Amino acid sequence: MFRENENGSSILEVIVAMVILALLVTGLNACVVTLINSNITSKEMSEATSAGCQILDKLRGSDYESIMTSSDQIKGKYIRCWTVTEDSIQKKIDLKVSWPITDKKHSIMLSTIVARP
């Protein structure tokens, strides 16, 4: 007949445990996907900032009279556009780095000032 002290689990308990596990794994999966996307965005932003700093360093090191508004592409992924405004004592360089090239969904802005020698 029926024993009071059975060892083991009923099928209902196993199903409930599997449903709880499935919910936990689904939530964890969403967190991992978000983390991966965040890492990709951070890497792209870091590369864009580095590309922007490189051109600003190059412009600061170049001849004062040769600094002018222009743009270029780097690594086939980033577009760097800089605008130079000048007054009697300095040139201000405003740089925008945009990516991806196709839709320019993301961008950063950097600025520097170069004094007249």
PDB file of N, CA and C in Angstrom:
ATOM      1  N   MET A   1       0.785  -1.183   0.000  1.00  0.00           N
ATOM      2  CA  MET A   1       0.000   0.000   0.000  1.00  0.00           C
ATOM      3  C   MET A   1       0.840   1.265   0.000  1.00  0.00           C
ATOM      4  N   PHE A   2       0.326   2.357   0.536  1.00  0.00           N
ATOM      5  CA  PHE A   2       0.983   3.650   0.519  1.00  0.00           C
ATOM      6  C   PHE A   2       1.901   3.793   1.718  1.00  0.00           C
ATOM      7  N   ARG A   3       3.181   4.139   1.410  1.00  0.00           N
ATOM      8  CA  ARG A   3       4.122   4.355   2.506  1.00  0.00           C
ATOM      9  C   ARG A   3       4.188   5.834   2.828  1.00  0.00           C
ATOM     10  N   GLU A   4       4.360   6.137   4.091  1.00  0.00           N
ATOM     11  CA  GLU A   4       4.396   7.509   4.552  1.00  0.00           C
ATOM     12  C   GLU A   4       5.728   8.185   4.260  1.00  0.00           C
ATOM     13  N   ASN A   5       6.805   7.457   4.231  1.00  0.00           N
ATOM     14  CA  ASN A   5       8.130   8.021   4.147  1.00  0.00           C
ATOM     15  C   ASN A   5       8.806   7.609   2.839  1.00  0.00           C
ATOM     16  N   GLU A   6       8.263   8.052   1.703  1.00  0.00           N
ATOM     17  CA  GLU A   6       8.823   7.677   0.416  1.00  0.00           C
ATOM     18  C   GLU A   6      10.004   8.565   0.089  1.00  0.00           C
ATOM     19  N   ASN A   7      11.025   7.979  -0.520  1.00  0.00           N
ATOM     20  CA  ASN A   7      12.159   8.740  -1.009  1.00  0.00           C
ATOM     21  C   ASN A   7      11.967   8.965  -2.500  1.00  0.00           C
ATOM     22  N   GLY A   8      12.324  10.200  -2.989  1.00  0.00           N
ATOM     23  CA  GLY A   8      12.174  10.487  -4.406  1.00  0.00           C
ATOM     24  C   GLY A   8      11.235  11.660  -4.615  1.00  0.00           C
ATOM     25  N   SER A   9      11.034  12.016  -5.889  1.00  0.00           N
ATOM     26  CA  SER A   9      10.212  13.170  -6.232  1.00  0.00           C
ATOM     27  C   SER A   9       9.097  12.743  -7.157  1.00  0.00           C
ATOM     28  N   SER A  10       8.037  13.480  -7.080  1.00  0.00           N
ATOM     29  CA  SER A  10       6.933  13.213  -7.998  1.00  0.00           C
ATOM     30  C   SER A  10       7.229  13.917  -9.319  1.00  0.00           C
ATOM     31  N   ILE A  11       6.544  13.531 -10.355  1.00  0.00           N
ATOM     32  CA  ILE A  11       6.732  14.142 -11.670  1.00  0.00           C
ATOM     33  C   ILE A  11       6.372  15.617 -11.640  1.00  0.00           C
ATOM     34  N   LEU A  12       5.407  16.012 -10.841  1.00  0.00           N
ATOM     35  CA  LEU A  12       5.000  17.408 -10.718  1.00  0.00           C
ATOM     36  C   LEU A  12       6.136  18.253 -10.135  1.00  0.00           C
ATOM     37  N   GLU A  13       6.814  17.739  -9.138  1.00  0.00           N
ATOM     38  CA  GLU A  13       7.933  18.475  -8.554  1.00  0.00           C
ATOM     39  C   GLU A  13       9.064  18.655  -9.557  1.00  0.00           C
ATOM     40  N   VAL A  14       9.313  17.624 -10.354  1.00  0.00           N
ATOM     41  CA  VAL A  14      10.364  17.701 -11.366  1.00  0.00           C
ATOM     42  C   VAL A  14      10.009  18.739 -12.425  1.00  0.00           C
ATOM     43  N   ILE A  15       8.758  18.763 -12.860  1.00  0.00           N
ATOM     44  CA  ILE A  15       8.313  19.729 -13.872  1.00  0.00           C
ATOM     45  C   ILE A  15       8.430  21.155 -13.324  1.00  0.00           C
ATOM     46  N   VAL A  16       8.010  21.378 -12.092  1.00  0.00           N
ATOM     47  CA  VAL A  16       8.110  22.706 -11.484  1.00  0.00           C
ATOM     48  C   VAL A  16       9.576  23.141 -11.397  1.00  0.00           C
ATOM     49  N   ALA A  17      10.447  22.231 -11.004  1.00  0.00           N
ATOM     50  CA  ALA A  17      11.874  22.545 -10.927  1.00  0.00           C
ATOM     51  C   ALA A  17      12.438  22.895 -12.303  1.00  0.00           C
ATOM     52  N   MET A  18      12.004  22.176 -13.342  1.00  0.00           N
ATOM     53  CA  MET A  18      12.478  22.459 -14.700  1.00  0.00           C
ATOM     54  C   MET A  18      11.984  23.816 -15.194  1.00  0.00           C
ATOM     55  N   VAL A  19      10.749  24.174 -14.866  1.00  0.00           N
ATOM     56  CA  VAL A  19      10.209  25.476 -15.271  1.00  0.00           C
ATOM     57  C   VAL A  19      10.987  26.606 -14.585  1.00  0.00           C
ATOM     58  N   ILE A  20      11.254  26.444 -13.303  1.00  0.00           N
ATOM     59  CA  ILE A  20      12.021  27.456 -12.571  1.00  0.00           C
ATOM     60  C   ILE A  20      13.420  27.583 -13.171  1.00  0.00           C
ATOM     61  N   LEU A  21      14.061  26.472 -13.472  1.00  0.00           N
ATOM     62  CA  LEU A  21      15.379  26.481 -14.077  1.00  0.00           C
ATOM     63  C   LEU A  21      15.351  27.154 -15.453  1.00  0.00           C
ATOM     64  N   ALA A  22      14.332  26.865 -16.241  1.00  0.00           N
ATOM     65  CA  ALA A  22      14.210  27.474 -17.572  1.00  0.00           C
ATOM     66  C   ALA A  22      14.070  28.990 -17.464  1.00  0.00           C
ATOM     67  N   LEU A  23      13.286  29.470 -16.494  1.00  0.00           N
ATOM     68  CA  LEU A  23      13.133  30.911 -16.298  1.00  0.00           C
ATOM     69  C   LEU A  23      14.448  31.564 -15.884  1.00  0.00           C
ATOM     70  N   LEU A  24      15.181  30.921 -15.012  1.00  0.00           N
ATOM     71  CA  LEU A  24      16.472  31.449 -14.583  1.00  0.00           C
ATOM     72  C   LEU A  24      17.471  31.500 -15.739  1.00  0.00           C
ATOM     73  N   VAL A  25      17.523  30.447 -16.534  1.00  0.00           N
ATOM     74  CA  VAL A  25      18.448  30.407 -17.667  1.00  0.00           C
ATOM     75  C   VAL A  25      18.073  31.465 -18.701  1.00  0.00           C
ATOM     76  N   THR A  26      16.791  31.678 -18.947  1.00  0.00           N
ATOM     77  CA  THR A  26      16.348  32.700 -19.894  1.00  0.00           C
ATOM     78  C   THR A  26      16.771  34.085 -19.418  1.00  0.00           C
ATOM     79  N   GLY A  27      16.578  34.383 -18.151  1.00  0.00           N
ATOM     80  CA  GLY A  27      16.997  35.667 -17.597  1.00  0.00           C
ATOM     81  C   GLY A  27      18.499  35.852 -17.665  1.00  0.00           C
ATOM     82  N   LEU A  28      19.241  34.805 -17.367  1.00  0.00           N
ATOM     83  CA  LEU A  28      20.698  34.859 -17.438  1.00  0.00           C
ATOM     84  C   LEU A  28      21.159  35.074 -18.873  1.00  0.00           C
ATOM     85  N   ASN A  29      20.500  34.428 -19.811  1.00  0.00           N
ATOM     86  CA  ASN A  29      20.830  34.591 -21.225  1.00  0.00           C
ATOM     87  C   ASN A  29      20.657  36.040 -21.659  1.00  0.00           C
ATOM     88  N   ALA A  30      19.570  36.673 -21.256  1.00  0.00           N
ATOM     89  CA  ALA A  30      19.332  38.076 -21.597  1.00  0.00           C
ATOM     90  C   ALA A  30      20.432  38.965 -21.019  1.00  0.00           C
ATOM     91  N   CYS A  31      20.870  38.679 -19.807  1.00  0.00           N
ATOM     92  CA  CYS A  31      21.949  39.452 -19.181  1.00  0.00           C
ATOM     93  C   CYS A  31      23.256  39.282 -19.942  1.00  0.00           C
ATOM     94  N   VAL A  32      23.561  38.083 -20.367  1.00  0.00           N
ATOM     95  CA  VAL A  32      24.803  37.817 -21.102  1.00  0.00           C
ATOM     96  C   VAL A  32      24.785  38.537 -22.449  1.00  0.00           C
ATOM     97  N   VAL A  33      23.668  38.500 -23.147  1.00  0.00           N
ATOM     98  CA  VAL A  33      23.558  39.185 -24.440  1.00  0.00           C
ATOM     99  C   VAL A  33      23.741  40.690 -24.248  1.00  0.00           C
ATOM    100  N   THR A  34      23.124  41.264 -23.235  1.00  0.00           N
ATOM    101  CA  THR A  34      23.276  42.694 -22.942  1.00  0.00           C
ATOM    102  C   THR A  34      24.718  43.029 -22.618  1.00  0.00           C
ATOM    103  N   LEU A  35      25.369  42.192 -21.847  1.00  0.00           N
ATOM    104  CA  LEU A  35      26.767  42.405 -21.488  1.00  0.00           C
ATOM    105  C   LEU A  35      27.665  42.356 -22.724  1.00  0.00           C
ATOM    106  N   ILE A  36      27.438  41.413 -23.612  1.00  0.00           N
ATOM    107  CA  ILE A  36      28.235  41.306 -24.839  1.00  0.00           C
ATOM    108  C   ILE A  36      28.046  42.551 -25.704  1.00  0.00           C
ATOM    109  N   ASN A  37      26.802  42.987 -25.886  1.00  0.00           N
ATOM    110  CA  ASN A  37      26.536  44.191 -26.678  1.00  0.00           C
ATOM    111  C   ASN A  37      27.181  45.420 -26.049  1.00  0.00           C
ATOM    112  N   SER A  38      27.140  45.508 -24.748  1.00  0.00           N
ATOM    113  CA  SER A  38      27.770  46.627 -24.040  1.00  0.00           C
ATOM    114  C   SER A  38      29.280  46.618 -24.247  1.00  0.00           C
ATOM    115  N   ASN A  39      29.892  45.447 -24.202  1.00  0.00           N
ATOM    116  CA  ASN A  39      31.331  45.336 -24.436  1.00  0.00           C
ATOM    117  C   ASN A  39      31.702  45.752 -25.857  1.00  0.00           C
ATOM    118  N   ILE A  40      30.899  45.367 -26.827  1.00  0.00           N
ATOM    119  CA  ILE A  40      31.152  45.743 -28.218  1.00  0.00           C
ATOM    120  C   ILE A  40      31.064  47.255 -28.377  1.00  0.00           C
ATOM    121  N   THR A  41      30.028  47.861 -27.804  1.00  0.00           N
ATOM    122  CA  THR A  41      29.864  49.311 -27.881  1.00  0.00           C
ATOM    123  C   THR A  41      31.018  50.029 -27.200  1.00  0.00           C
ATOM    124  N   SER A  42      31.446  49.537 -26.057  1.00  0.00           N
ATOM    125  CA  SER A  42      32.577  50.146 -25.342  1.00  0.00           C
ATOM    126  C   SER A  42      33.856  50.059 -26.154  1.00  0.00           C
ATOM    127  N   LYS A  43      34.086  48.931 -26.793  1.00  0.00           N
ATOM    128  CA  LYS A  43      35.279  48.755 -27.623  1.00  0.00           C
ATOM    129  C   LYS A  43      35.254  49.718 -28.803  1.00  0.00           C
ATOM    130  N   GLU A  44      34.111  49.837 -29.456  1.00  0.00           N
ATOM    131  CA  GLU A  44      33.984  50.756 -30.588  1.00  0.00           C
ATOM    132  C   GLU A  44      34.218  52.196 -30.145  1.00  0.00           C
ATOM    133  N   MET A  45      33.655  52.575 -29.003  1.00  0.00           N
ATOM    134  CA  MET A  45      33.823  53.934 -28.509  1.00  0.00           C
ATOM    135  C   MET A  45      35.288  54.207 -28.157  1.00  0.00           C
ATOM    136  N   SER A  46      35.944  53.226 -27.586  1.00  0.00           N
ATOM    137  CA  SER A  46      37.360  53.365 -27.257  1.00  0.00           C
ATOM    138  C   SER A  46      38.205  53.528 -28.523  1.00  0.00           C
ATOM    139  N   GLU A  47      37.912  52.726 -29.548  1.00  0.00           N
ATOM    140  CA  GLU A  47      38.637  52.836 -30.821  1.00  0.00           C
ATOM    141  C   GLU A  47      38.368  54.183 -31.479  1.00  0.00           C
ATOM    142  N   ALA A  48      37.119  54.654 -31.433  1.00  0.00           N
ATOM    143  CA  ALA A  48      36.776  55.952 -32.026  1.00  0.00           C
ATOM    144  C   ALA A  48      37.491  57.088 -31.295  1.00  0.00           C
ATOM    145  N   THR A  49      37.531  57.018 -29.980  1.00  0.00           N
ATOM    146  CA  THR A  49      38.225  58.038 -29.198  1.00  0.00           C
ATOM    147  C   THR A  49      39.713  58.033 -29.514  1.00  0.00           C
ATOM    148  N   SER A  50      40.293  56.853 -29.613  1.00  0.00           N
ATOM    149  CA  SER A  50      41.710  56.732 -29.952  1.00  0.00           C
ATOM    150  C   SER A  50      41.984  57.306 -31.345  1.00  0.00           C
ATOM    151  N   ALA A  51      41.129  56.996 -32.314  1.00  0.00           N
ATOM    152  CA  ALA A  51      41.289  57.518 -33.672  1.00  0.00           C
ATOM    153  C   ALA A  51      41.174  59.037 -33.681  1.00  0.00           C
ATOM    154  N   GLY A  52      40.267  59.569 -32.868  1.00  0.00           N
ATOM    155  CA  GLY A  52      40.113  61.018 -32.773  1.00  0.00           C
ATOM    156  C   GLY A  52      41.325  61.676 -32.131  1.00  0.00           C
ATOM    157  N   CYS A  53      41.819  61.089 -31.064  1.00  0.00           N
ATOM    158  CA  CYS A  53      42.999  61.643 -30.391  1.00  0.00           C
ATOM    159  C   CYS A  53      44.219  61.604 -31.301  1.00  0.00           C
ATOM    160  N   GLN A  54      44.333  60.560 -32.121  1.00  0.00           N
ATOM    161  CA  GLN A  54      45.470  60.459 -33.050  1.00  0.00           C
ATOM    162  C   GLN A  54      45.482  61.617 -34.037  1.00  0.00           C
ATOM    163  N   ILE A  55      44.330  61.941 -34.622  1.00  0.00           N
ATOM    164  CA  ILE A  55      44.305  63.029 -35.602  1.00  0.00           C
ATOM    165  C   ILE A  55      44.496  64.375 -34.909  1.00  0.00           C
ATOM    166  N   LEU A  56      43.965  64.538 -33.709  1.00  0.00           N
ATOM    167  CA  LEU A  56      44.188  65.797 -32.995  1.00  0.00           C
ATOM    168  C   LEU A  56      45.668  65.974 -32.655  1.00  0.00           C
ATOM    169  N   ASP A  57      46.333  64.897 -32.241  1.00  0.00           N
ATOM    170  CA  ASP A  57      47.776  64.968 -31.971  1.00  0.00           C
ATOM    171  C   ASP A  57      48.552  65.315 -33.245  1.00  0.00           C
ATOM    172  N   LYS A  58      48.152  64.706 -34.350  1.00  0.00           N
ATOM    173  CA  LYS A  58      48.812  64.984 -35.628  1.00  0.00           C
ATOM    174  C   LYS A  58      48.626  66.451 -36.015  1.00  0.00           C
ATOM    175  N   LEU A  59      47.409  66.965 -35.855  1.00  0.00           N
ATOM    176  CA  LEU A  59      47.142  68.369 -36.194  1.00  0.00           C
ATOM    177  C   LEU A  59      47.901  69.315 -35.273  1.00  0.00           C
ATOM    178  N   ARG A  60      47.968  69.006 -33.978  1.00  0.00           N
ATOM    179  CA  ARG A  60      48.706  69.858 -33.037  1.00  0.00           C
ATOM    180  C   ARG A  60      50.195  69.886 -33.366  1.00  0.00           C
ATOM    181  N   GLY A  61      50.714  68.788 -33.912  1.00  0.00           N
ATOM    182  CA  GLY A  61      52.131  68.709 -34.240  1.00  0.00           C
ATOM    183  C   GLY A  61      52.476  69.233 -35.618  1.00  0.00           C
ATOM    184  N   SER A  62      51.484  69.573 -36.409  1.00  0.00           N
ATOM    185  CA  SER A  62      51.749  70.041 -37.769  1.00  0.00           C
ATOM    186  C   SER A  62      51.946  71.551 -37.791  1.00  0.00           C
ATOM    187  N   ASP A  63      52.370  72.047 -38.948  1.00  0.00           N
ATOM    188  CA  ASP A  63      52.572  73.476 -39.146  1.00  0.00           C
ATOM    189  C   ASP A  63      51.251  74.220 -38.943  1.00  0.00           C
ATOM    190  N   TYR A  64      51.297  75.329 -38.227  1.00  0.00           N
ATOM    191  CA  TYR A  64      50.085  76.084 -37.870  1.00  0.00           C
ATOM    192  C   TYR A  64      49.271  76.452 -39.105  1.00  0.00           C
ATOM    193  N   GLU A  65      49.934  76.911 -40.151  1.00  0.00           N
ATOM    194  CA  GLU A  65      49.228  77.367 -41.351  1.00  0.00           C
ATOM    195  C   GLU A  65      48.587  76.215 -42.125  1.00  0.00           C
ATOM    196  N   SER A  66      49.058  74.998 -41.927  1.00  0.00           N
ATOM    197  CA  SER A  66      48.512  73.851 -42.673  1.00  0.00           C
ATOM    198  C   SER A  66      47.275  73.241 -42.005  1.00  0.00           C
ATOM    199  N   ILE A  67      46.917  73.716 -40.817  1.00  0.00           N
ATOM    200  CA  ILE A  67      45.745  73.173 -40.115  1.00  0.00           C
ATOM    201  C   ILE A  67      44.484  73.748 -40.743  1.00  0.00           C
ATOM    202  N   MET A  68      43.668  72.868 -41.337  1.00  0.00           N
ATOM    203  CA  MET A  68      42.431  73.324 -41.968  1.00  0.00           C
ATOM    204  C   MET A  68      41.348  72.260 -41.865  1.00  0.00           C
ATOM    205  N   THR A  69      40.115  72.661 -42.113  1.00  0.00           N
ATOM    206  CA  THR A  69      38.960  71.770 -42.063  1.00  0.00           C
ATOM    207  C   THR A  69      39.116  70.645 -43.083  1.00  0.00           C
ATOM    208  N   SER A  70      38.801  69.428 -42.642  1.00  0.00           N
ATOM    209  CA  SER A  70      38.904  68.271 -43.540  1.00  0.00           C
ATOM    210  C   SER A  70      38.175  67.081 -42.922  1.00  0.00           C
ATOM    211  N   SER A  71      38.310  65.923 -43.559  1.00  0.00           N
ATOM    212  CA  SER A  71      37.743  64.676 -43.031  1.00  0.00           C
ATOM    213  C   SER A  71      38.501  63.504 -43.637  1.00  0.00           C
ATOM    214  N   ASP A  72      38.353  62.343 -43.008  1.00  0.00           N
ATOM    215  CA  ASP A  72      38.938  61.118 -43.528  1.00  0.00           C
ATOM    216  C   ASP A  72      38.225  59.913 -42.946  1.00  0.00           C
ATOM    217  N   GLN A  73      38.609  58.739 -43.435  1.00  0.00           N
ATOM    218  CA  GLN A  73      38.097  57.479 -42.899  1.00  0.00           C
ATOM    219  C   GLN A  73      39.255  56.725 -42.285  1.00  0.00           C
ATOM    220  N   ILE A  74      38.962  55.956 -41.253  1.00  0.00           N
ATOM    221  CA  ILE A  74      39.994  55.139 -40.643  1.00  0.00           C
ATOM    222  C   ILE A  74      39.456  53.735 -40.419  1.00  0.00           C
ATOM    223  N   LYS A  75      40.259  52.750 -40.768  1.00  0.00           N
ATOM    224  CA  LYS A  75      39.942  51.330 -40.620  1.00  0.00           C
ATOM    225  C   LYS A  75      38.664  50.931 -41.358  1.00  0.00           C
ATOM    226  N   GLY A  76      38.222  51.743 -42.298  1.00  0.00           N
ATOM    227  CA  GLY A  76      36.997  51.435 -43.029  1.00  0.00           C
ATOM    228  C   GLY A  76      35.760  51.387 -42.143  1.00  0.00           C
ATOM    229  N   LYS A  77      35.878  51.962 -40.950  1.00  0.00           N
ATOM    230  CA  LYS A  77      34.782  51.868 -39.986  1.00  0.00           C
ATOM    231  C   LYS A  77      34.391  53.219 -39.410  1.00  0.00           C
ATOM    232  N   TYR A  78      35.356  54.121 -39.276  1.00  0.00           N
ATOM    233  CA  TYR A  78      35.129  55.402 -38.623  1.00  0.00           C
ATOM    234  C   TYR A  78      35.317  56.546 -39.609  1.00  0.00           C
ATOM    235  N   ILE A  79      34.477  57.554 -39.501  1.00  0.00           N
ATOM    236  CA  ILE A  79      34.624  58.779 -40.277  1.00  0.00           C
ATOM    237  C   ILE A  79      35.008  59.882 -39.302  1.00  0.00           C
ATOM    238  N   ARG A  80      36.132  60.544 -39.593  1.00  0.00           N
ATOM    239  CA  ARG A  80      36.584  61.655 -38.764  1.00  0.00           C
ATOM    240  C   ARG A  80      36.399  62.942 -39.560  1.00  0.00           C
ATOM    241  N   CYS A  81      35.611  63.863 -39.026  1.00  0.00           N
ATOM    242  CA  CYS A  81      35.392  65.165 -39.665  1.00  0.00           C
ATOM    243  C   CYS A  81      35.797  66.242 -38.667  1.00  0.00           C
ATOM    244  N   TRP A  82      36.697  67.126 -39.084  1.00  0.00           N
ATOM    245  CA  TRP A  82      37.095  68.192 -38.182  1.00  0.00           C
ATOM    246  C   TRP A  82      36.902  69.544 -38.849  1.00  0.00           C
ATOM    247  N   THR A  83      36.489  70.486 -38.007  1.00  0.00           N
ATOM    248  CA  THR A  83      36.233  71.851 -38.433  1.00  0.00           C
ATOM    249  C   THR A  83      37.201  72.760 -37.695  1.00  0.00           C
ATOM    250  N   VAL A  84      37.864  73.627 -38.432  1.00  0.00           N
ATOM    251  CA  VAL A  84      38.833  74.536 -37.842  1.00  0.00           C
ATOM    252  C   VAL A  84      38.274  75.953 -37.923  1.00  0.00           C
ATOM    253  N   THR A  85      38.194  76.607 -36.766  1.00  0.00           N
ATOM    254  CA  THR A  85      37.817  78.017 -36.711  1.00  0.00           C
ATOM    255  C   THR A  85      39.014  78.790 -36.165  1.00  0.00           C
ATOM    256  N   GLU A  86      39.242  79.958 -36.741  1.00  0.00           N
ATOM    257  CA  GLU A  86      40.454  80.700 -36.412  1.00  0.00           C
ATOM    258  C   GLU A  86      40.106  82.114 -35.984  1.00  0.00           C
ATOM    259  N   ASP A  87      40.854  82.600 -35.016  1.00  0.00           N
ATOM    260  CA  ASP A  87      40.812  84.021 -34.687  1.00  0.00           C
ATOM    261  C   ASP A  87      42.250  84.536 -34.707  1.00  0.00           C
ATOM    262  N   SER A  88      42.517  85.683 -34.153  1.00  0.00           N
ATOM    263  CA  SER A  88      43.837  86.303 -34.288  1.00  0.00           C
ATOM    264  C   SER A  88      44.942  85.581 -33.520  1.00  0.00           C
ATOM    265  N   ILE A  89      44.597  84.780 -32.511  1.00  0.00           N
ATOM    266  CA  ILE A  89      45.639  84.167 -31.681  1.00  0.00           C
ATOM    267  C   ILE A  89      45.619  82.635 -31.663  1.00  0.00           C
ATOM    268  N   GLN A  90      44.581  82.026 -32.222  1.00  0.00           N
ATOM    269  CA  GLN A  90      44.481  80.574 -32.103  1.00  0.00           C
ATOM    270  C   GLN A  90      43.562  79.974 -33.150  1.00  0.00           C
ATOM    271  N   LYS A  91      43.671  78.649 -33.278  1.00  0.00           N
ATOM    272  CA  LYS A  91      42.736  77.873 -34.095  1.00  0.00           C
ATOM    273  C   LYS A  91      42.066  76.862 -33.172  1.00  0.00           C
ATOM    274  N   LYS A  92      40.744  76.774 -33.266  1.00  0.00           N
ATOM    275  CA  LYS A  92      39.992  75.778 -32.510  1.00  0.00           C
ATOM    276  C   LYS A  92      39.609  74.661 -33.469  1.00  0.00           C
ATOM    277  N   ILE A  93      39.901  73.432 -33.054  1.00  0.00           N
ATOM    278  CA  ILE A  93      39.585  72.258 -33.876  1.00  0.00           C
ATOM    279  C   ILE A  93      38.485  71.469 -33.180  1.00  0.00           C
ATOM    280  N   ASP A  94      37.341  71.348 -33.834  1.00  0.00           N
ATOM    281  CA  ASP A  94      36.230  70.523 -33.346  1.00  0.00           C
ATOM    282  C   ASP A  94      36.174  69.272 -34.221  1.00  0.00           C
ATOM    283  N   LEU A  95      36.270  68.123 -33.583  1.00  0.00           N
ATOM    284  CA  LEU A  95      36.342  66.843 -34.299  1.00  0.00           C
ATOM    285  C   LEU A  95      35.138  65.986 -33.942  1.00  0.00           C
ATOM    286  N   LYS A  96      34.546  65.387 -34.964  1.00  0.00           N
ATOM    287  CA  LYS A  96      33.459  64.426 -34.755  1.00  0.00           C
ATOM    288  C   LYS A  96      33.876  63.111 -35.388  1.00  0.00           C
ATOM    289  N   VAL A  97      33.852  62.054 -34.591  1.00  0.00           N
ATOM    290  CA  VAL A  97      34.133  60.708 -35.090  1.00  0.00           C
ATOM    291  C   VAL A  97      32.814  59.946 -35.082  1.00  0.00           C
ATOM    292  N   SER A  98      32.409  59.452 -36.257  1.00  0.00           N
ATOM    293  CA  SER A  98      31.131  58.742 -36.402  1.00  0.00           C
ATOM    294  C   SER A  98      31.372  57.317 -36.872  1.00  0.00           C
ATOM    295  N   TRP A  99      30.490  56.421 -36.470  1.00  0.00           N
ATOM    296  CA  TRP A  99      30.559  55.026 -36.914  1.00  0.00           C
ATOM    297  C   TRP A  99      29.206  54.389 -36.762  1.00  0.00           C
ATOM    298  N   PRO A 100      28.866  53.314 -37.411  1.00  0.00           N
ATOM    299  CA  PRO A 100      29.519  52.778 -38.606  1.00  0.00           C
ATOM    300  C   PRO A 100      29.347  53.726 -39.777  1.00  0.00           C
ATOM    301  N   ILE A 101      30.148  53.518 -40.802  1.00  0.00           N
ATOM    302  CA  ILE A 101      30.162  54.425 -41.950  1.00  0.00           C
ATOM    303  C   ILE A 101      28.805  54.471 -42.637  1.00  0.00           C
ATOM    304  N   THR A 102      28.098  53.349 -42.679  1.00  0.00           N
ATOM    305  CA  THR A 102      26.848  53.278 -43.435  1.00  0.00           C
ATOM    306  C   THR A 102      25.747  54.166 -42.871  1.00  0.00           C
ATOM    307  N   ASP A 103      25.550  54.181 -41.564  1.00  0.00           N
ATOM    308  CA  ASP A 103      24.441  54.968 -41.020  1.00  0.00           C
ATOM    309  C   ASP A 103      24.844  55.960 -39.927  1.00  0.00           C
ATOM    310  N   LYS A 104      26.109  55.995 -39.556  1.00  0.00           N
ATOM    311  CA  LYS A 104      26.631  56.943 -38.570  1.00  0.00           C
ATOM    312  C   LYS A 104      25.757  56.995 -37.324  1.00  0.00           C
ATOM    313  N   LYS A 105      25.416  55.836 -36.822  1.00  0.00           N
ATOM    314  CA  LYS A 105      24.511  55.725 -35.675  1.00  0.00           C
ATOM    315  C   LYS A 105      25.135  56.253 -34.381  1.00  0.00           C
ATOM    316  N   HIS A 106      26.462  56.137 -34.261  1.00  0.00           N
ATOM    317  CA  HIS A 106      27.155  56.572 -33.049  1.00  0.00           C
ATOM    318  C   HIS A 106      28.166  57.648 -33.404  1.00  0.00           C
ATOM    319  N   SER A 107      28.445  58.526 -32.465  1.00  0.00           N
ATOM    320  CA  SER A 107      29.482  59.528 -32.695  1.00  0.00           C
ATOM    321  C   SER A 107      30.002  60.065 -31.368  1.00  0.00           C
ATOM    322  N   ILE A 108      31.228  60.608 -31.426  1.00  0.00           N
ATOM    323  CA  ILE A 108      31.810  61.297 -30.288  1.00  0.00           C
ATOM    324  C   ILE A 108      32.360  62.624 -30.787  1.00  0.00           C
ATOM    325  N   MET A 109      32.463  63.587 -29.889  1.00  0.00           N
ATOM    326  CA  MET A 109      33.000  64.896 -30.220  1.00  0.00           C
ATOM    327  C   MET A 109      34.230  65.169 -29.364  1.00  0.00           C
ATOM    328  N   LEU A 110      35.282  65.681 -29.996  1.00  0.00           N
ATOM    329  CA  LEU A 110      36.499  66.072 -29.305  1.00  0.00           C
ATOM    330  C   LEU A 110      36.891  67.466 -29.795  1.00  0.00           C
ATOM    331  N   SER A 111      37.583  68.234 -28.955  1.00  0.00           N
ATOM    332  CA  SER A 111      38.021  69.579 -29.334  1.00  0.00           C
ATOM    333  C   SER A 111      39.406  69.840 -28.785  1.00  0.00           C
ATOM    334  N   THR A 112      40.102  70.724 -29.462  1.00  0.00           N
ATOM    335  CA  THR A 112      41.398  71.210 -28.971  1.00  0.00           C
ATOM    336  C   THR A 112      41.628  72.601 -29.529  1.00  0.00           C
ATOM    337  N   ILE A 113      42.575  73.285 -28.945  1.00  0.00           N
ATOM    338  CA  ILE A 113      42.962  74.623 -29.393  1.00  0.00           C
ATOM    339  C   ILE A 113      44.456  74.622 -29.662  1.00  0.00           C
ATOM    340  N   VAL A 114      44.836  75.209 -30.806  1.00  0.00           N
ATOM    341  CA  VAL A 114      46.236  75.339 -31.169  1.00  0.00           C
ATOM    342  C   VAL A 114      46.542  76.834 -31.215  1.00  0.00           C
ATOM    343  N   ALA A 115      47.519  77.260 -30.429  1.00  0.00           N
ATOM    344  CA  ALA A 115      47.869  78.673 -30.374  1.00  0.00           C
ATOM    345  C   ALA A 115      48.772  79.045 -31.546  1.00  0.00           C
ATOM    346  N   ARG A 116      48.639  80.283 -31.981  1.00  0.00           N
ATOM    347  CA  ARG A 116      49.510  80.807 -33.039  1.00  0.00           C
ATOM    348  C   ARG A 116      50.934  80.888 -32.475  1.00  0.00           C
ATOM    349  N   PRO A 117      51.918  80.438 -33.256  1.00  0.00           N
ATOM    350  CA  PRO A 117      53.301  80.488 -32.760  1.00  0.00           C
ATOM    351  C   PRO A 117      53.837  81.909 -32.678  1.00  0.00           C
TER     352      PRO A 117
END
